[in-house]
Amino acid sequence: MRRRCGRRTRICSSSYMICILAFAILILDISYTKHRHKNKLFCLADDLEHEDDDFLAEILAEQAREEEELARMEAEAREYDAMKARQRTGGGMPGAGSGNDSNKNKGGGPKMKMGGGAFSKLEEDLKKKEADRNNAAASNNQQQKSTQEDEVNEKENERIRQKREAAFEAELKKMNEEQRKNAKKQKAKDAKVIKRLLKAHKAGRHYQVLGIRNLEIQLGPFFFFNYSLGPIILFRVKTKQIKKVYRNLARTVHPDKNKDGRAEEAFHALESSAAILTDEKQRNDYDKRIIATRRRNNKYRVEKAVNVCEYGWKKSASTIRVTKKVLGPFSTPILVVGALII
């Protein structure tokens, strides 16, 4: 019994020693890992500080470069302003003006470089802006002038119309019942002609002003190796026919025969359209504008038709897909029967 108890006490004491050693090793390992992580954190903080310093240095260098470029541009702008001031006062350009400038250049002074770089670009930009400003001002003045002329013409035409209407009413009072009825009927016919003519003139359609249908077709030019054929023009209205139509229509629209109040305005519109169509150069320019407008309209119509077809095809395809999913295996015979019925 004593031997067994001694063995047990020895085993317990040895196990206690092992536990104590393991606990001490665990504590040492924890302290070592904490110290290592702390050193790593310090190293990372140092690296971040170095990176921040490098980034800040790059930003400062970039700002310094931008400031130098801005200062250089301002100096070139001041030199350009000084040069323009010398030109206004008669000083001229350096090297081609007074003797003082030439002496300075001979003495080895700084010469102004008139060439590429930012200075020439600045000069070109200033000239371009000034030209655009002048063109805009000229176009605005022209538009205002044309608007004022149109307003003056409208007021004058309205005054003439009222005067003619008053004269017609005075003539009606002198007629009997039958003559008054015939005069009003004739004026209604004249008003239709005047309305059509003024509407076409306002839209800028000179052929319609004269009541001519221009079916002109241009083919070509066609190129064969080094030779060209055309352009070939078909169904072109001749100038003689235009003059004949103008003479017949002028008798109807003339203010002495036409009783409508706007007959005088329509007669001037007829004269201007006939003058354009009987002059070959003006007529060719007008025909070119008509052809260009017609081509643009045809291109727009074709694009619109293509877009409509694509939209319809996509919608029909999506409808067929949905129908197949819903109907399942019965979709094909139902679609075939529906297509046959349609």
Protein backbone atom coordinates (compact mmCIF):
# COMPACT_ATOMS: atom_id res chain seq x y z
CA MET A 1 0.00 0.00 0.00
CA ARG A 2 2.78 2.43 0.81
CA ARG A 3 4.54 1.72 -2.52
CA ARG A 4 1.31 2.36 -4.49
CA CYS A 5 0.70 5.67 -2.67
CA GLY A 6 4.26 6.80 -3.35
CA ARG A 7 3.87 6.06 -7.02
CA ARG A 8 0.61 8.00 -7.14
CA THR A 9 2.14 11.04 -5.43
CA ARG A 10 5.06 10.95 -7.86
CA ILE A 11 2.70 10.79 -10.88
CA CYS A 12 0.59 13.69 -9.55
CA SER A 13 3.63 15.83 -8.85
CA SER A 14 5.03 15.17 -12.34
CA SER A 15 1.67 16.01 -13.98
CA TYR A 16 1.52 19.23 -11.98
CA MET A 17 4.99 20.17 -13.20
CA ILE A 18 4.03 19.43 -16.83
CA CYS A 19 0.90 21.63 -16.54
CA ILE A 20 2.92 24.46 -15.03
CA LEU A 21 5.51 24.26 -17.82
CA ALA A 22 2.82 24.19 -20.53
CA PHE A 23 1.12 27.23 -19.01
CA ALA A 24 4.44 29.10 -18.87
CA ILE A 25 5.17 28.24 -22.52
CA LEU A 26 1.69 29.45 -23.52
CA ILE A 27 2.19 32.77 -21.75
CA LEU A 28 5.59 33.27 -23.39
CA ASP A 29 4.15 32.45 -26.84
CA ILE A 30 1.30 34.96 -26.38
CA SER A 31 3.69 37.72 -25.30
CA TYR A 32 5.98 36.96 -28.26
CA THR A 33 3.13 37.08 -30.80
CA LYS A 34 1.89 40.38 -29.33
CA HIS A 35 5.36 41.85 -29.63
CA ARG A 36 5.70 40.62 -33.21
CA HIS A 37 2.29 42.05 -34.25
CA LYS A 38 3.18 45.33 -32.63
CA ASN A 39 6.42 45.48 -34.61
CA LYS A 40 4.50 44.70 -37.81
CA LEU A 41 2.02 47.49 -37.10
CA PHE A 42 4.84 49.94 -36.52
CA CYS A 43 6.42 48.89 -39.84
CA LEU A 44 3.13 49.32 -41.70
CA ALA A 45 2.63 52.77 -40.17
CA ASP A 46 6.13 53.75 -41.26
CA ASP A 47 5.44 52.54 -44.81
CA LEU A 48 2.18 54.48 -44.97
CA GLU A 49 3.89 57.61 -43.75
CA HIS A 50 6.55 57.23 -46.47
CA GLU A 51 3.88 56.69 -49.14
CA ASP A 52 1.93 59.78 -47.98
CA ASP A 53 5.11 61.84 -48.14
CA ASP A 54 5.83 60.66 -51.71
CA PHE A 55 2.25 61.38 -52.84
CA LEU A 56 2.34 64.84 -51.28
CA ALA A 57 5.66 65.55 -52.97
CA GLU A 58 4.21 64.56 -56.36
CA ILE A 59 1.18 66.82 -55.83
CA LEU A 60 3.42 69.75 -54.89
CA ALA A 61 5.62 69.18 -57.94
CA GLU A 62 2.57 69.06 -60.22
CA GLN A 63 1.25 72.30 -58.74
CA ALA A 64 4.62 73.93 -59.27
CA ARG A 65 4.66 72.85 -62.92
CA GLU A 66 1.12 74.21 -63.46
CA GLU A 67 2.08 77.52 -61.86
CA GLU A 68 5.13 77.79 -64.12
CA GLU A 69 3.02 77.05 -67.22
CA LEU A 70 0.42 79.63 -66.17
CA ALA A 71 3.09 82.24 -65.56
CA ARG A 72 4.59 81.52 -68.98
CA MET A 73 1.22 81.88 -70.68
CA GLU A 74 0.53 85.15 -68.87
CA ALA A 75 3.94 86.48 -69.94
CA GLU A 76 3.23 85.55 -73.57
CA ALA A 77 -0.20 87.19 -73.38
CA ARG A 78 1.39 90.39 -72.02
CA GLU A 79 3.93 90.33 -74.84
CA TYR A 80 1.14 89.89 -77.39
CA ASP A 81 -0.84 92.80 -75.90
CA ALA A 82 2.28 94.97 -75.96
CA MET A 83 2.88 94.07 -79.59
CA LYS A 84 -0.70 94.99 -80.53
CA ALA A 85 -0.35 98.27 -78.65
CA ARG A 86 2.83 99.07 -80.59
CA GLN A 87 1.06 98.29 -83.84
CA ARG A 88 -1.80 100.63 -82.97
CA THR A 89 0.60 103.46 -82.05
CA GLY A 90 2.69 102.88 -85.21
CA GLY A 91 5.65 101.24 -83.50
CA GLY A 92 5.48 98.18 -85.82
CA MET A 93 6.87 94.76 -85.28
CA PRO A 94 10.25 94.13 -83.66
CA GLY A 95 13.03 94.17 -86.21
CA ALA A 96 10.86 96.06 -88.76
CA GLY A 97 9.99 99.23 -86.86
CA SER A 98 12.01 102.04 -85.35
CA GLY A 99 15.76 102.20 -85.09
CA ASN A 100 15.81 101.62 -81.35
CA ASP A 101 14.34 98.16 -81.74
CA SER A 102 16.84 97.28 -84.43
CA ASN A 103 19.73 98.54 -82.27
CA LYS A 104 18.50 96.45 -79.39
CA ASN A 105 18.41 93.39 -81.57
CA LYS A 106 21.90 94.13 -82.87
CA GLY A 107 23.21 94.51 -79.35
CA GLY A 108 22.19 91.00 -78.52
CA GLY A 109 18.93 91.80 -76.74
CA PRO A 110 16.15 89.22 -76.48
CA LYS A 111 14.23 88.61 -79.69
CA MET A 112 10.54 87.76 -79.78
CA LYS A 113 9.91 84.43 -81.43
CA MET A 114 7.01 84.65 -83.85
CA GLY A 115 6.23 81.05 -84.67
CA GLY A 116 4.79 77.91 -83.20
CA GLY A 117 4.15 77.20 -79.60
CA ALA A 118 1.62 78.61 -77.18
CA PHE A 119 2.10 82.22 -78.39
CA SER A 120 1.09 81.50 -82.00
CA LYS A 121 -1.77 79.30 -80.77
CA LEU A 122 -3.02 82.11 -78.55
CA GLU A 123 -2.85 84.51 -81.48
CA GLU A 124 -4.82 82.14 -83.71
CA ASP A 125 -7.47 81.62 -81.02
CA LEU A 126 -7.90 85.36 -80.58
CA LYS A 127 -8.24 85.90 -84.33
CA LYS A 128 -10.73 83.05 -84.62
CA LYS A 129 -12.85 84.38 -81.75
CA GLU A 130 -12.83 87.86 -83.25
CA ALA A 131 -13.87 86.50 -86.67
CA ASP A 132 -16.68 84.43 -85.11
CA ARG A 133 -17.88 87.48 -83.19
CA ASN A 134 -17.91 89.58 -86.36
CA ASN A 135 -19.78 86.90 -88.31
CA ALA A 136 -22.37 86.50 -85.56
CA ALA A 137 -22.88 90.28 -85.38
CA ALA A 138 -23.24 90.49 -89.17
CA SER A 139 -25.77 87.64 -89.27
CA ASN A 140 -27.77 89.18 -86.43
CA ASN A 141 -27.81 92.55 -88.18
CA GLN A 142 -28.92 90.90 -91.41
CA GLN A 143 -31.71 88.99 -89.66
CA GLN A 144 -32.92 92.12 -87.91
CA LYS A 145 -32.83 94.05 -91.17
CA SER A 146 -34.78 91.35 -93.04
CA THR A 147 -37.32 91.14 -90.19
CA GLN A 148 -37.85 94.88 -90.27
CA GLU A 149 -38.27 94.82 -94.06
CA ASP A 150 -40.82 92.00 -93.78
CA GLU A 151 -42.79 93.93 -91.17
CA VAL A 152 -42.79 97.05 -93.34
CA ASN A 153 -43.91 95.04 -96.39
CA GLU A 154 -46.70 93.36 -94.42
CA LYS A 155 -48.00 96.70 -93.18
CA GLU A 156 -47.89 98.15 -96.70
CA ASN A 157 -49.68 95.11 -98.17
CA GLU A 158 -52.35 95.29 -95.49
CA ARG A 159 -52.90 98.99 -96.22
CA ILE A 160 -53.25 98.27 -99.96
CA ARG A 161 -55.64 95.37 -99.28
CA GLN A 162 -57.91 97.53 -97.14
CA LYS A 163 -57.87 100.25 -99.79
CA ARG A 164 -58.83 97.79 -102.57
CA GLU A 165 -61.56 96.20 -100.45
CA ALA A 166 -63.06 99.62 -99.79
CA ALA A 167 -62.97 100.44 -103.51
CA PHE A 168 -64.69 97.15 -104.35
CA GLU A 169 -67.43 97.80 -101.82
CA ALA A 170 -67.96 101.23 -103.36
CA GLU A 171 -68.30 99.64 -106.81
CA LEU A 172 -70.85 97.12 -105.50
CA LYS A 173 -73.10 99.93 -104.31
CA LYS A 174 -73.31 101.29 -107.85
CA MET A 175 -74.39 97.92 -109.34
CA ASN A 176 -77.79 96.29 -109.51
CA GLU A 177 -78.61 92.96 -107.90
CA GLU A 178 -77.55 90.74 -110.83
CA GLN A 179 -74.27 92.57 -111.39
CA ARG A 180 -73.50 92.48 -107.66
CA LYS A 181 -74.05 88.72 -107.58
CA ASN A 182 -71.78 88.12 -110.58
CA ALA A 183 -69.06 90.42 -109.14
CA LYS A 184 -69.02 88.55 -105.81
CA LYS A 185 -68.82 85.20 -107.60
CA GLN A 186 -65.89 86.40 -109.72
CA LYS A 187 -64.12 87.77 -106.64
CA ALA A 188 -64.45 84.37 -104.90
CA LYS A 189 -62.74 82.71 -107.88
CA ASP A 190 -60.01 85.34 -107.91
CA ALA A 191 -59.47 84.89 -104.17
CA LYS A 192 -58.79 81.14 -104.64
CA VAL A 193 -56.08 81.85 -107.23
CA ILE A 194 -54.50 84.55 -105.04
CA LYS A 195 -54.55 82.33 -101.94
CA ARG A 196 -52.84 79.43 -103.75
CA LEU A 197 -50.23 81.70 -105.28
CA LEU A 198 -49.32 83.48 -102.03
CA LYS A 199 -49.18 80.19 -100.11
CA ALA A 200 -46.71 78.71 -102.61
CA HIS A 201 -44.63 81.89 -102.64
CA LYS A 202 -44.42 81.96 -98.84
CA ALA A 203 -43.15 78.34 -98.87
CA GLY A 204 -40.53 79.26 -101.49
CA ARG A 205 -41.96 76.92 -104.18
CA HIS A 206 -41.59 78.94 -107.36
CA TYR A 207 -42.86 76.21 -109.71
CA GLN A 208 -46.09 75.96 -107.74
CA VAL A 209 -46.48 79.74 -107.87
CA LEU A 210 -46.80 79.46 -111.66
CA GLY A 211 -48.82 76.23 -111.40
CA ILE A 212 -46.13 74.14 -113.15
CA ARG A 213 -45.40 70.53 -112.22
CA ASN A 214 -41.66 70.09 -112.57
CA LEU A 215 -40.95 66.36 -113.05
CA GLU A 216 -37.26 66.88 -113.70
CA ILE A 217 -35.06 63.81 -113.20
CA GLN A 218 -31.27 63.90 -113.15
CA LEU A 219 -29.29 60.78 -114.03
CA GLY A 220 -25.56 60.53 -113.54
CA PRO A 221 -22.90 61.50 -114.12
CA PHE A 222 -21.70 58.02 -115.07
CA PHE A 223 -17.98 57.25 -115.15
CA PHE A 224 -16.39 54.67 -117.48
CA PHE A 225 -12.65 54.39 -116.92
CA ASN A 226 -11.36 57.89 -117.82
CA TYR A 227 -14.59 59.05 -119.47
CA SER A 228 -17.73 60.51 -117.94
CA LEU A 229 -21.28 60.64 -119.26
CA GLY A 230 -23.88 63.06 -118.01
CA PRO A 231 -25.56 64.28 -116.01
CA ILE A 232 -28.61 63.44 -118.09
CA ILE A 233 -31.67 65.59 -117.33
CA LEU A 234 -35.13 64.33 -118.29
CA PHE A 235 -38.55 66.05 -118.27
CA ARG A 236 -37.08 69.50 -117.74
CA VAL A 237 -39.57 72.34 -118.25
CA LYS A 238 -38.38 74.69 -120.95
CA THR A 239 -37.99 78.41 -120.44
CA LYS A 240 -40.45 79.18 -123.26
CA GLN A 241 -43.15 77.22 -121.49
CA ILE A 242 -42.46 79.09 -118.22
CA LYS A 243 -42.78 82.45 -119.96
CA LYS A 244 -46.03 81.39 -121.62
CA VAL A 245 -47.53 80.26 -118.30
CA TYR A 246 -46.39 83.49 -116.66
CA ARG A 247 -48.11 85.66 -119.30
CA ASN A 248 -51.39 83.77 -118.99
CA LEU A 249 -51.34 83.87 -115.19
CA ALA A 250 -50.34 87.54 -115.09
CA ARG A 251 -53.55 88.46 -116.92
CA THR A 252 -55.56 86.72 -114.20
CA VAL A 253 -53.60 88.09 -111.23
CA HIS A 254 -53.11 91.66 -112.46
CA PRO A 255 -54.63 94.16 -109.98
CA ASP A 256 -56.69 95.81 -112.74
CA LYS A 257 -58.55 92.55 -113.50
CA ASN A 258 -58.40 90.70 -110.20
CA LYS A 259 -60.77 92.13 -107.58
CA ASP A 260 -59.20 90.45 -104.56
CA GLY A 261 -57.61 92.75 -101.99
CA ARG A 262 -54.22 90.99 -102.14
CA ALA A 263 -53.99 90.94 -105.94
CA GLU A 264 -51.14 93.45 -106.01
CA GLU A 265 -49.10 91.43 -103.52
CA ALA A 266 -49.72 88.25 -105.52
CA PHE A 267 -48.70 89.96 -108.76
CA HIS A 268 -45.32 90.98 -107.26
CA ALA A 269 -44.81 87.40 -105.99
CA LEU A 270 -45.57 86.05 -109.46
CA GLU A 271 -43.06 88.42 -111.04
CA SER A 272 -40.28 87.42 -108.59
CA SER A 273 -40.87 83.66 -109.13
CA ALA A 274 -40.92 84.09 -112.92
CA ALA A 275 -37.70 86.12 -112.77
CA ILE A 276 -35.96 83.30 -110.87
CA LEU A 277 -37.19 80.52 -113.18
CA THR A 278 -36.45 82.33 -116.44
CA ASP A 279 -32.85 83.11 -115.43
CA GLU A 280 -30.69 80.04 -116.08
CA LYS A 281 -28.19 80.57 -113.26
CA GLN A 282 -30.82 81.28 -110.60
CA ARG A 283 -32.95 78.41 -111.83
CA ASN A 284 -30.02 75.96 -111.67
CA ASP A 285 -29.24 77.02 -108.10
CA TYR A 286 -32.89 76.66 -107.14
CA ASP A 287 -33.08 73.21 -108.77
CA LYS A 288 -29.96 72.08 -106.87
CA ARG A 289 -31.53 73.14 -103.58
CA ILE A 290 -34.73 71.27 -104.47
CA ILE A 291 -32.78 68.10 -105.33
CA ALA A 292 -30.78 68.27 -102.10
CA THR A 293 -33.96 68.76 -100.05
CA ARG A 294 -35.64 65.88 -101.87
CA ARG A 295 -32.70 63.56 -101.19
CA ARG A 296 -32.70 64.44 -97.50
CA ASN A 297 -36.43 63.79 -97.26
CA ASN A 298 -36.10 60.45 -99.10
CA LYS A 299 -33.24 59.39 -96.82
CA TYR A 300 -35.31 60.28 -93.76
CA ARG A 301 -38.31 58.32 -95.09
CA VAL A 302 -36.18 55.24 -95.82
CA GLU A 303 -34.60 55.32 -92.36
CA LYS A 304 -38.01 55.69 -90.75
CA ALA A 305 -39.42 52.76 -92.76
CA VAL A 306 -36.43 50.58 -91.79
CA ASN A 307 -36.88 51.45 -88.12
CA VAL A 308 -40.59 50.61 -88.28
CA CYS A 309 -39.83 47.25 -89.94
CA GLU A 310 -37.19 46.40 -87.33
CA TYR A 311 -39.57 47.32 -84.51
CA GLY A 312 -42.35 45.18 -86.01
CA TRP A 313 -40.01 42.22 -86.50
CA LYS A 314 -38.76 42.39 -82.90
CA LYS A 315 -42.30 42.61 -81.55
CA SER A 316 -43.51 39.69 -83.69
CA ALA A 317 -40.50 37.56 -82.69
CA SER A 318 -41.06 38.27 -78.99
CA THR A 319 -44.77 37.43 -79.40
CA ILE A 320 -43.92 34.12 -81.04
CA ARG A 321 -41.46 33.24 -78.25
CA VAL A 322 -44.02 34.02 -75.55
CA THR A 323 -46.68 32.02 -77.39
CA LYS A 324 -44.37 28.99 -77.63
CA LYS A 325 -43.60 29.16 -73.92
CA VAL A 326 -47.27 29.43 -72.98
CA LEU A 327 -48.70 26.84 -75.36
CA GLY A 328 -45.82 24.40 -75.14
CA PRO A 329 -45.99 21.49 -77.65
CA PHE A 330 -49.25 22.83 -79.17
CA SER A 331 -47.65 26.12 -80.25
CA THR A 332 -46.46 25.00 -83.71
CA PRO A 333 -49.81 23.68 -85.04
CA ILE A 334 -51.70 26.66 -83.59
CA LEU A 335 -49.29 29.13 -85.23
CA VAL A 336 -49.52 27.30 -88.56
CA VAL A 337 -53.33 27.35 -88.43
CA GLY A 338 -53.33 31.04 -87.50
CA ALA A 339 -51.00 31.88 -90.38
CA LEU A 340 -53.25 29.98 -92.80
CA ILE A 341 -56.32 31.80 -91.53
CA ILE A 342 -54.62 35.19 -91.90
